[in-house]
Amino acid sequence: MSIRRIALTSAAVTLAFTTLAQARPDTRAMTCQQTQALIQNHGSAVLTTGPNTYALYVRRYSNACDWSLIPAVGFVPTRDGQCLVHRCREPLYTPPG
């Protein structure tokens, strides 16, 4: 395999991964109201919250969480400050039995 072909393949792979990373909405570029509306309209959304961080955010009353998880309050950075959202988390209390 020639060096040129390796370089072109590497460039294509890098471009593909960069494009995929940009497809996820970034909360830092949106207002809190836009972030909350996006989650509300879609029921859940995977959002970028930092240079190397992302997570699934859900509506407050949602079935988007796995059966053993519940929607819990969290905060994400937005263009206008911190924004209240909900993430799937384990409940603080697990009943016996």
PDB file of N, CA and C in Angstrom:
ATOM      1  N   MET A   1       0.854  -1.171   0.000  1.00  0.00           N
ATOM      2  CA  MET A   1       0.000   0.000   0.000  1.00  0.00           C
ATOM      3  C   MET A   1       0.901   1.235   0.000  1.00  0.00           C
ATOM      4  N   SER A   2       0.598   2.166  -0.856  1.00  0.00           N
ATOM      5  CA  SER A   2       1.432   3.352  -0.973  1.00  0.00           C
ATOM      6  C   SER A   2       1.172   4.328   0.172  1.00  0.00           C
ATOM      7  N   ILE A   3       2.132   5.178   0.412  1.00  0.00           N
ATOM      8  CA  ILE A   3       2.027   6.199   1.468  1.00  0.00           C
ATOM      9  C   ILE A   3       0.862   7.136   1.160  1.00  0.00           C
ATOM     10  N   ARG A   4       0.697   7.473  -0.099  1.00  0.00           N
ATOM     11  CA  ARG A   4      -0.383   8.386  -0.477  1.00  0.00           C
ATOM     12  C   ARG A   4      -1.750   7.773  -0.148  1.00  0.00           C
ATOM     13  N   ARG A   5      -1.915   6.495  -0.426  1.00  0.00           N
ATOM     14  CA  ARG A   5      -3.183   5.825  -0.145  1.00  0.00           C
ATOM     15  C   ARG A   5      -3.445   5.758   1.359  1.00  0.00           C
ATOM     16  N   ILE A   6      -2.418   5.502   2.130  1.00  0.00           N
ATOM     17  CA  ILE A   6      -2.554   5.474   3.596  1.00  0.00           C
ATOM     18  C   ILE A   6      -2.951   6.849   4.109  1.00  0.00           C
ATOM     19  N   ALA A   7      -2.314   7.890   3.580  1.00  0.00           N
ATOM     20  CA  ALA A   7      -2.624   9.258   4.007  1.00  0.00           C
ATOM     21  C   ALA A   7      -4.064   9.622   3.657  1.00  0.00           C
ATOM     22  N   LEU A   8      -4.515   9.263   2.458  1.00  0.00           N
ATOM     23  CA  LEU A   8      -5.895   9.567   2.062  1.00  0.00           C
ATOM     24  C   LEU A   8      -6.908   8.802   2.915  1.00  0.00           C
ATOM     25  N   THR A   9      -6.613   7.549   3.216  1.00  0.00           N
ATOM     26  CA  THR A   9      -7.498   6.754   4.063  1.00  0.00           C
ATOM     27  C   THR A   9      -7.568   7.340   5.461  1.00  0.00           C
ATOM     28  N   SER A  10      -6.425   7.721   6.002  1.00  0.00           N
ATOM     29  CA  SER A  10      -6.383   8.335   7.335  1.00  0.00           C
ATOM     30  C   SER A  10      -7.180   9.633   7.361  1.00  0.00           C
ATOM     31  N   ALA A  11      -7.030  10.438   6.333  1.00  0.00           N
ATOM     32  CA  ALA A  11      -7.759  11.707   6.268  1.00  0.00           C
ATOM     33  C   ALA A  11      -9.262  11.460   6.198  1.00  0.00           C
ATOM     34  N   ALA A  12      -9.676  10.470   5.425  1.00  0.00           N
ATOM     35  CA  ALA A  12     -11.105  10.157   5.301  1.00  0.00           C
ATOM     36  C   ALA A  12     -11.685   9.678   6.626  1.00  0.00           C
ATOM     37  N   VAL A  13     -10.960   8.828   7.329  1.00  0.00           N
ATOM     38  CA  VAL A  13     -11.423   8.321   8.620  1.00  0.00           C
ATOM     39  C   VAL A  13     -11.521   9.467   9.630  1.00  0.00           C
ATOM     40  N   THR A  14     -10.513  10.325   9.659  1.00  0.00           N
ATOM     41  CA  THR A  14     -10.518  11.474  10.571  1.00  0.00           C
ATOM     42  C   THR A  14     -11.709  12.383  10.274  1.00  0.00           C
ATOM     43  N   LEU A  15     -11.960  12.651   9.008  1.00  0.00           N
ATOM     44  CA  LEU A  15     -13.084  13.501   8.618  1.00  0.00           C
ATOM     45  C   LEU A  15     -14.416  12.873   9.028  1.00  0.00           C
ATOM     46  N   ALA A  16     -14.536  11.564   8.845  1.00  0.00           N
ATOM     47  CA  ALA A  16     -15.775  10.873   9.215  1.00  0.00           C
ATOM     48  C   ALA A  16     -16.036  10.984  10.709  1.00  0.00           C
ATOM     49  N   PHE A  17     -15.008  10.763  11.533  1.00  0.00           N
ATOM     50  CA  PHE A  17     -15.191  10.852  12.981  1.00  0.00           C
ATOM     51  C   PHE A  17     -15.460  12.279  13.419  1.00  0.00           C
ATOM     52  N   THR A  18     -14.839  13.253  12.789  1.00  0.00           N
ATOM     53  CA  THR A  18     -15.086  14.652  13.115  1.00  0.00           C
ATOM     54  C   THR A  18     -16.526  15.022  12.781  1.00  0.00           C
ATOM     55  N   THR A  19     -17.030  14.560  11.662  1.00  0.00           N
ATOM     56  CA  THR A  19     -18.402  14.841  11.261  1.00  0.00           C
ATOM     57  C   THR A  19     -19.382  14.216  12.236  1.00  0.00           C
ATOM     58  N   LEU A  20     -19.119  12.982  12.680  1.00  0.00           N
ATOM     59  CA  LEU A  20     -19.996  12.338  13.647  1.00  0.00           C
ATOM     60  C   LEU A  20     -20.020  13.082  14.962  1.00  0.00           C
ATOM     61  N   ALA A  21     -18.874  13.567  15.407  1.00  0.00           N
ATOM     62  CA  ALA A  21     -18.804  14.288  16.676  1.00  0.00           C
ATOM     63  C   ALA A  21     -19.591  15.594  16.604  1.00  0.00           C
ATOM     64  N   GLN A  22     -19.610  16.235  15.456  1.00  0.00           N
ATOM     65  CA  GLN A  22     -20.313  17.498  15.317  1.00  0.00           C
ATOM     66  C   GLN A  22     -21.815  17.321  15.190  1.00  0.00           C
ATOM     67  N   ALA A  23     -22.265  16.125  14.925  1.00  0.00           N
ATOM     68  CA  ALA A  23     -23.693  15.878  14.752  1.00  0.00           C
ATOM     69  C   ALA A  23     -24.461  15.979  16.067  1.00  0.00           C
ATOM     70  N   ARG A  24     -23.766  15.847  17.195  1.00  0.00           N
ATOM     71  CA  ARG A  24     -24.407  15.896  18.513  1.00  0.00           C
ATOM     72  C   ARG A  24     -24.536  17.355  18.946  1.00  0.00           C
ATOM     73  N   PRO A  25     -25.740  17.818  19.336  1.00  0.00           N
ATOM     74  CA  PRO A  25     -25.902  19.210  19.772  1.00  0.00           C
ATOM     75  C   PRO A  25     -25.031  19.519  20.998  1.00  0.00           C
ATOM     76  N   ASP A  26     -24.474  20.712  21.017  1.00  0.00           N
ATOM     77  CA  ASP A  26     -23.595  21.157  22.103  1.00  0.00           C
ATOM     78  C   ASP A  26     -24.351  22.148  22.977  1.00  0.00           C
ATOM     79  N   THR A  27     -24.527  21.814  24.246  1.00  0.00           N
ATOM     80  CA  THR A  27     -25.286  22.689  25.150  1.00  0.00           C
ATOM     81  C   THR A  27     -24.606  24.042  25.334  1.00  0.00           C
ATOM     82  N   ARG A  28     -23.295  24.081  25.196  1.00  0.00           N
ATOM     83  CA  ARG A  28     -22.564  25.338  25.396  1.00  0.00           C
ATOM     84  C   ARG A  28     -22.865  26.362  24.316  1.00  0.00           C
ATOM     85  N   ALA A  29     -23.408  25.919  23.181  1.00  0.00           N
ATOM     86  CA  ALA A  29     -23.755  26.824  22.083  1.00  0.00           C
ATOM     87  C   ALA A  29     -25.231  27.192  22.082  1.00  0.00           C
ATOM     88  N   MET A  30     -25.999  26.626  23.022  1.00  0.00           N
ATOM     89  CA  MET A  30     -27.440  26.885  23.089  1.00  0.00           C
ATOM     90  C   MET A  30     -27.782  27.607  24.389  1.00  0.00           C
ATOM     91  N   THR A  31     -28.947  28.246  24.403  1.00  0.00           N
ATOM     92  CA  THR A  31     -29.445  28.825  25.653  1.00  0.00           C
ATOM     93  C   THR A  31     -30.076  27.698  26.466  1.00  0.00           C
ATOM     94  N   CYS A  32     -30.356  27.974  27.716  1.00  0.00           N
ATOM     95  CA  CYS A  32     -31.008  26.986  28.568  1.00  0.00           C
ATOM     96  C   CYS A  32     -32.376  26.627  28.004  1.00  0.00           C
ATOM     97  N   GLN A  33     -33.118  27.614  27.564  1.00  0.00           N
ATOM     98  CA  GLN A  33     -34.449  27.376  27.013  1.00  0.00           C
ATOM     99  C   GLN A  33     -34.378  26.492  25.774  1.00  0.00           C
ATOM    100  N   GLN A  34     -33.404  26.711  24.897  1.00  0.00           N
ATOM    101  CA  GLN A  34     -33.239  25.878  23.705  1.00  0.00           C
ATOM    102  C   GLN A  34     -32.882  24.438  24.083  1.00  0.00           C
ATOM    103  N   THR A  35     -32.017  24.277  25.079  1.00  0.00           N
ATOM    104  CA  THR A  35     -31.615  22.945  25.528  1.00  0.00           C
ATOM    105  C   THR A  35     -32.802  22.183  26.086  1.00  0.00           C
ATOM    106  N   GLN A  36     -33.558  22.837  26.962  1.00  0.00           N
ATOM    107  CA  GLN A  36     -34.728  22.191  27.555  1.00  0.00           C
ATOM    108  C   GLN A  36     -35.789  21.870  26.500  1.00  0.00           C
ATOM    109  N   ALA A  37     -35.981  22.750  25.525  1.00  0.00           N
ATOM    110  CA  ALA A  37     -36.963  22.511  24.467  1.00  0.00           C
ATOM    111  C   ALA A  37     -36.545  21.327  23.594  1.00  0.00           C
ATOM    112  N   LEU A  38     -35.271  21.207  23.307  1.00  0.00           N
ATOM    113  CA  LEU A  38     -34.769  20.086  22.509  1.00  0.00           C
ATOM    114  C   LEU A  38     -35.061  18.761  23.194  1.00  0.00           C
ATOM    115  N   ILE A  39     -34.775  18.700  24.486  1.00  0.00           N
ATOM    116  CA  ILE A  39     -35.037  17.473  25.255  1.00  0.00           C
ATOM    117  C   ILE A  39     -36.538  17.206  25.322  1.00  0.00           C
ATOM    118  N   GLN A  40     -37.319  18.231  25.586  1.00  0.00           N
ATOM    119  CA  GLN A  40     -38.770  18.079  25.703  1.00  0.00           C
ATOM    120  C   GLN A  40     -39.376  17.601  24.388  1.00  0.00           C
ATOM    121  N   ASN A  41     -38.969  18.183  23.278  1.00  0.00           N
ATOM    122  CA  ASN A  41     -39.541  17.842  21.974  1.00  0.00           C
ATOM    123  C   ASN A  41     -39.195  16.434  21.519  1.00  0.00           C
ATOM    124  N   HIS A  42     -37.986  15.961  21.853  1.00  0.00           N
ATOM    125  CA  HIS A  42     -37.541  14.645  21.403  1.00  0.00           C
ATOM    126  C   HIS A  42     -37.732  13.555  22.461  1.00  0.00           C
ATOM    127  N   GLY A  43     -38.033  13.929  23.681  1.00  0.00           N
ATOM    128  CA  GLY A  43     -38.182  12.946  24.756  1.00  0.00           C
ATOM    129  C   GLY A  43     -36.861  12.623  25.425  1.00  0.00           C
ATOM    130  N   SER A  44     -35.803  12.581  24.640  1.00  0.00           N
ATOM    131  CA  SER A  44     -34.448  12.388  25.158  1.00  0.00           C
ATOM    132  C   SER A  44     -33.474  12.832  24.075  1.00  0.00           C
ATOM    133  N   ALA A  45     -32.267  13.157  24.479  1.00  0.00           N
ATOM    134  CA  ALA A  45     -31.255  13.580  23.512  1.00  0.00           C
ATOM    135  C   ALA A  45     -29.866  13.366  24.098  1.00  0.00           C
ATOM    136  N   VAL A  46     -28.947  12.939  23.249  1.00  0.00           N
ATOM    137  CA  VAL A  46     -27.550  12.856  23.641  1.00  0.00           C
ATOM    138  C   VAL A  46     -26.939  14.201  23.298  1.00  0.00           C
ATOM    139  N   LEU A  47     -26.407  14.877  24.314  1.00  0.00           N
ATOM    140  CA  LEU A  47     -25.888  16.229  24.143  1.00  0.00           C
ATOM    141  C   LEU A  47     -24.435  16.318  24.569  1.00  0.00           C
ATOM    142  N   THR A  48     -23.670  17.099  23.829  1.00  0.00           N
ATOM    143  CA  THR A  48     -22.295  17.405  24.200  1.00  0.00           C
ATOM    144  C   THR A  48     -22.331  18.490  25.261  1.00  0.00           C
ATOM    145  N   THR A  49     -21.554  18.300  26.338  1.00  0.00           N
ATOM    146  CA  THR A  49     -21.537  19.279  27.427  1.00  0.00           C
ATOM    147  C   THR A  49     -20.152  19.855  27.673  1.00  0.00           C
ATOM    148  N   GLY A  50     -19.160  19.369  26.987  1.00  0.00           N
ATOM    149  CA  GLY A  50     -17.789  19.837  27.142  1.00  0.00           C
ATOM    150  C   GLY A  50     -16.948  19.326  25.996  1.00  0.00           C
ATOM    151  N   PRO A  51     -15.646  19.629  26.004  1.00  0.00           N
ATOM    152  CA  PRO A  51     -14.793  19.219  24.891  1.00  0.00           C
ATOM    153  C   PRO A  51     -14.767  17.701  24.678  1.00  0.00           C
ATOM    154  N   ASN A  52     -14.863  16.930  25.743  1.00  0.00           N
ATOM    155  CA  ASN A  52     -14.794  15.472  25.634  1.00  0.00           C
ATOM    156  C   ASN A  52     -15.904  14.778  26.410  1.00  0.00           C
ATOM    157  N   THR A  53     -17.015  15.481  26.663  1.00  0.00           N
ATOM    158  CA  THR A  53     -18.078  14.885  27.470  1.00  0.00           C
ATOM    159  C   THR A  53     -19.424  14.997  26.769  1.00  0.00           C
ATOM    160  N   TYR A  54     -20.225  13.965  26.956  1.00  0.00           N
ATOM    161  CA  TYR A  54     -21.587  13.944  26.452  1.00  0.00           C
ATOM    162  C   TYR A  54     -22.386  12.955  27.289  1.00  0.00           C
ATOM    163  N   ALA A  55     -23.690  13.088  27.244  1.00  0.00           N
ATOM    164  CA  ALA A  55     -24.543  12.184  28.019  1.00  0.00           C
ATOM    165  C   ALA A  55     -25.954  12.221  27.453  1.00  0.00           C
ATOM    166  N   LEU A  56     -26.746  11.258  27.893  1.00  0.00           N
ATOM    167  CA  LEU A  56     -28.158  11.198  27.527  1.00  0.00           C
ATOM    168  C   LEU A  56     -28.960  12.002  28.541  1.00  0.00           C
ATOM    169  N   TYR A  57     -29.768  12.921  28.053  1.00  0.00           N
ATOM    170  CA  TYR A  57     -30.650  13.716  28.898  1.00  0.00           C
ATOM    171  C   TYR A  57     -32.088  13.410  28.503  1.00  0.00           C
ATOM    172  N   VAL A  58     -32.973  13.373  29.495  1.00  0.00           N
ATOM    173  CA  VAL A  58     -34.350  12.931  29.272  1.00  0.00           C
ATOM    174  C   VAL A  58     -35.350  13.924  29.852  1.00  0.00           C
ATOM    175  N   ARG A  59     -36.630  13.766  29.445  1.00  0.00           N
ATOM    176  CA  ARG A  59     -37.699  14.555  30.060  1.00  0.00           C
ATOM    177  C   ARG A  59     -37.857  14.142  31.513  1.00  0.00           C
ATOM    178  N   ARG A  60     -38.420  15.017  32.306  1.00  0.00           N
ATOM    179  CA  ARG A  60     -38.598  14.730  33.735  1.00  0.00           C
ATOM    180  C   ARG A  60     -39.450  13.474  33.929  1.00  0.00           C
ATOM    181  N   TYR A  61     -40.558  13.390  33.238  1.00  0.00           N
ATOM    182  CA  TYR A  61     -41.416  12.210  33.325  1.00  0.00           C
ATOM    183  C   TYR A  61     -41.262  11.466  32.012  1.00  0.00           C
ATOM    184  N   SER A  62     -40.337  10.529  32.008  1.00  0.00           N
ATOM    185  CA  SER A  62     -39.975   9.866  30.767  1.00  0.00           C
ATOM    186  C   SER A  62     -39.786   8.377  30.979  1.00  0.00           C
ATOM    187  N   ASN A  63     -39.988   7.618  29.924  1.00  0.00           N
ATOM    188  CA  ASN A  63     -39.674   6.196  29.971  1.00  0.00           C
ATOM    189  C   ASN A  63     -38.396   5.907  29.191  1.00  0.00           C
ATOM    190  N   ALA A  64     -37.585   6.927  28.965  1.00  0.00           N
ATOM    191  CA  ALA A  64     -36.346   6.771  28.215  1.00  0.00           C
ATOM    192  C   ALA A  64     -35.244   6.110  29.039  1.00  0.00           C
ATOM    193  N   CYS A  65     -35.396   6.099  30.352  1.00  0.00           N
ATOM    194  CA  CYS A  65     -34.385   5.474  31.211  1.00  0.00           C
ATOM    195  C   CYS A  65     -34.595   3.963  31.262  1.00  0.00           C
ATOM    196  N   ASP A  66     -33.521   3.240  31.477  1.00  0.00           N
ATOM    197  CA  ASP A  66     -33.599   1.802  31.683  1.00  0.00           C
ATOM    198  C   ASP A  66     -34.484   1.531  32.893  1.00  0.00           C
ATOM    199  N   TRP A  67     -35.042   0.338  32.996  1.00  0.00           N
ATOM    200  CA  TRP A  67     -36.010   0.026  34.063  1.00  0.00           C
ATOM    201  C   TRP A  67     -35.449   0.233  35.466  1.00  0.00           C
ATOM    202  N   SER A  68     -34.150   0.089  35.663  1.00  0.00           N
ATOM    203  CA  SER A  68     -33.569   0.229  37.002  1.00  0.00           C
ATOM    204  C   SER A  68     -33.127   1.661  37.314  1.00  0.00           C
ATOM    205  N   LEU A  69     -33.330   2.583  36.380  1.00  0.00           N
ATOM    206  CA  LEU A  69     -32.892   3.970  36.557  1.00  0.00           C
ATOM    207  C   LEU A  69     -34.086   4.905  36.591  1.00  0.00           C
ATOM    208  N   ILE A  70     -33.867   6.091  37.140  1.00  0.00           N
ATOM    209  CA  ILE A  70     -34.909   7.113  37.194  1.00  0.00           C
ATOM    210  C   ILE A  70     -34.351   8.435  36.662  1.00  0.00           C
ATOM    211  N   PRO A  71     -35.216   9.312  36.131  1.00  0.00           N
ATOM    212  CA  PRO A  71     -34.753  10.647  35.748  1.00  0.00           C
ATOM    213  C   PRO A  71     -34.403  11.448  37.006  1.00  0.00           C
ATOM    214  N   ALA A  72     -33.203  11.972  37.068  1.00  0.00           N
ATOM    215  CA  ALA A  72     -32.748  12.752  38.222  1.00  0.00           C
ATOM    216  C   ALA A  72     -32.217  14.098  37.751  1.00  0.00           C
ATOM    217  N   VAL A  73     -32.325  15.082  38.603  1.00  0.00           N
ATOM    218  CA  VAL A  73     -31.896  16.445  38.285  1.00  0.00           C
ATOM    219  C   VAL A  73     -30.389  16.497  38.047  1.00  0.00           C
ATOM    220  N   GLY A  74     -30.025  17.255  37.037  1.00  0.00           N
ATOM    221  CA  GLY A  74     -28.623  17.522  36.742  1.00  0.00           C
ATOM    222  C   GLY A  74     -28.517  18.907  36.124  1.00  0.00           C
ATOM    223  N   PHE A  75     -27.318  19.375  35.960  1.00  0.00           N
ATOM    224  CA  PHE A  75     -27.094  20.688  35.366  1.00  0.00           C
ATOM    225  C   PHE A  75     -26.069  20.574  34.252  1.00  0.00           C
ATOM    226  N   VAL A  76     -26.279  21.334  33.181  1.00  0.00           N
ATOM    227  CA  VAL A  76     -25.336  21.378  32.071  1.00  0.00           C
ATOM    228  C   VAL A  76     -24.960  22.831  31.798  1.00  0.00           C
ATOM    229  N   PRO A  77     -23.757  23.051  31.275  1.00  0.00           N
ATOM    230  CA  PRO A  77     -23.381  24.419  30.912  1.00  0.00           C
ATOM    231  C   PRO A  77     -24.080  24.835  29.623  1.00  0.00           C
ATOM    232  N   THR A  78     -24.635  26.043  29.620  1.00  0.00           N
ATOM    233  CA  THR A  78     -25.249  26.598  28.418  1.00  0.00           C
ATOM    234  C   THR A  78     -24.682  27.983  28.172  1.00  0.00           C
ATOM    235  N   ARG A  79     -25.059  28.556  27.050  1.00  0.00           N
ATOM    236  CA  ARG A  79     -24.544  29.870  26.680  1.00  0.00           C
ATOM    237  C   ARG A  79     -24.889  30.926  27.725  1.00  0.00           C
ATOM    238  N   ASP A  80     -26.013  30.743  28.414  1.00  0.00           N
ATOM    239  CA  ASP A  80     -26.444  31.734  29.401  1.00  0.00           C
ATOM    240  C   ASP A  80     -26.296  31.257  30.848  1.00  0.00           C
ATOM    241  N   GLY A  81     -25.435  30.280  31.090  1.00  0.00           N
ATOM    242  CA  GLY A  81     -25.171  29.812  32.458  1.00  0.00           C
ATOM    243  C   GLY A  81     -25.463  28.331  32.616  1.00  0.00           C
ATOM    244  N   GLN A  82     -25.732  27.914  33.844  1.00  0.00           N
ATOM    245  CA  GLN A  82     -26.060  26.514  34.131  1.00  0.00           C
ATOM    246  C   GLN A  82     -27.547  26.287  33.892  1.00  0.00           C
ATOM    247  N   CYS A  83     -27.875  25.098  33.396  1.00  0.00           N
ATOM    248  CA  CYS A  83     -29.251  24.793  33.036  1.00  0.00           C
ATOM    249  C   CYS A  83     -29.690  23.490  33.688  1.00  0.00           C
ATOM    250  N   LEU A  84     -30.877  23.502  34.277  1.00  0.00           N
ATOM    251  CA  LEU A  84     -31.436  22.319  34.916  1.00  0.00           C
ATOM    252  C   LEU A  84     -31.992  21.371  33.853  1.00  0.00           C
ATOM    253  N   VAL A  85     -31.532  20.124  33.892  1.00  0.00           N
ATOM    254  CA  VAL A  85     -31.995  19.068  32.994  1.00  0.00           C
ATOM    255  C   VAL A  85     -32.109  17.779  33.804  1.00  0.00           C
ATOM    256  N   HIS A  86     -32.508  16.690  33.174  1.00  0.00           N
ATOM    257  CA  HIS A  86     -32.629  15.402  33.860  1.00  0.00           C
ATOM    258  C   HIS A  86     -31.814  14.340  33.137  1.00  0.00           C
ATOM    259  N   ARG A  87     -31.129  13.499  33.927  1.00  0.00           N
ATOM    260  CA  ARG A  87     -30.348  12.373  33.418  1.00  0.00           C
ATOM    261  C   ARG A  87     -30.832  11.103  34.087  1.00  0.00           C
ATOM    262  N   CYS A  88     -30.579   9.985  33.445  1.00  0.00           N
ATOM    263  CA  CYS A  88     -30.930   8.693  34.041  1.00  0.00           C
ATOM    264  C   CYS A  88     -29.874   8.326  35.083  1.00  0.00           C
ATOM    265  N   ARG A  89     -30.330   8.055  36.287  1.00  0.00           N
ATOM    266  CA  ARG A  89     -29.425   7.677  37.381  1.00  0.00           C
ATOM    267  C   ARG A  89     -30.066   6.598  38.217  1.00  0.00           C
ATOM    268  N   GLU A  90     -29.233   5.934  39.003  1.00  0.00           N
ATOM    269  CA  GLU A  90     -29.753   4.952  39.945  1.00  0.00           C
ATOM    270  C   GLU A  90     -30.477   5.684  41.076  1.00  0.00           C
ATOM    271  N   PRO A  91     -31.569   5.132  41.574  1.00  0.00           N
ATOM    272  CA  PRO A  91     -32.264   5.787  42.688  1.00  0.00           C
ATOM    273  C   PRO A  91     -31.399   5.790  43.940  1.00  0.00           C
ATOM    274  N   LEU A  92     -31.575   6.802  44.773  1.00  0.00           N
ATOM    275  CA  LEU A  92     -30.799   6.882  46.010  1.00  0.00           C
ATOM    276  C   LEU A  92     -31.208   5.800  47.003  1.00  0.00           C
ATOM    277  N   TYR A  93     -32.478   5.433  46.957  1.00  0.00           N
ATOM    278  CA  TYR A  93     -32.997   4.427  47.882  1.00  0.00           C
ATOM    279  C   TYR A  93     -33.496   3.236  47.088  1.00  0.00           C
ATOM    280  N   THR A  94     -33.034   2.072  47.478  1.00  0.00           N
ATOM    281  CA  THR A  94     -33.529   0.848  46.880  1.00  0.00           C
ATOM    282  C   THR A  94     -34.297   0.080  47.937  1.00  0.00           C
ATOM    283  N   PRO A  95     -35.588  -0.167  47.703  1.00  0.00           N
ATOM    284  CA  PRO A  95     -36.376  -0.871  48.714  1.00  0.00           C
ATOM    285  C   PRO A  95     -35.878  -2.294  48.929  1.00  0.00           C
ATOM    286  N   PRO A  96     -35.982  -2.806  50.161  1.00  0.00           N
ATOM    287  CA  PRO A  96     -35.540  -4.167  50.427  1.00  0.00           C
ATOM    288  C   PRO A  96     -36.403  -5.190  49.698  1.00  0.00           C
ATOM    289  N   GLY A  97     -35.791  -6.324  49.423  1.00  0.00           N
ATOM    290  CA  GLY A  97     -36.544  -7.422  48.825  1.00  0.00           C
ATOM    291  C   GLY A  97     -36.329  -7.497  47.417  1.00  0.00           C
TER     292      GLY A  97
END
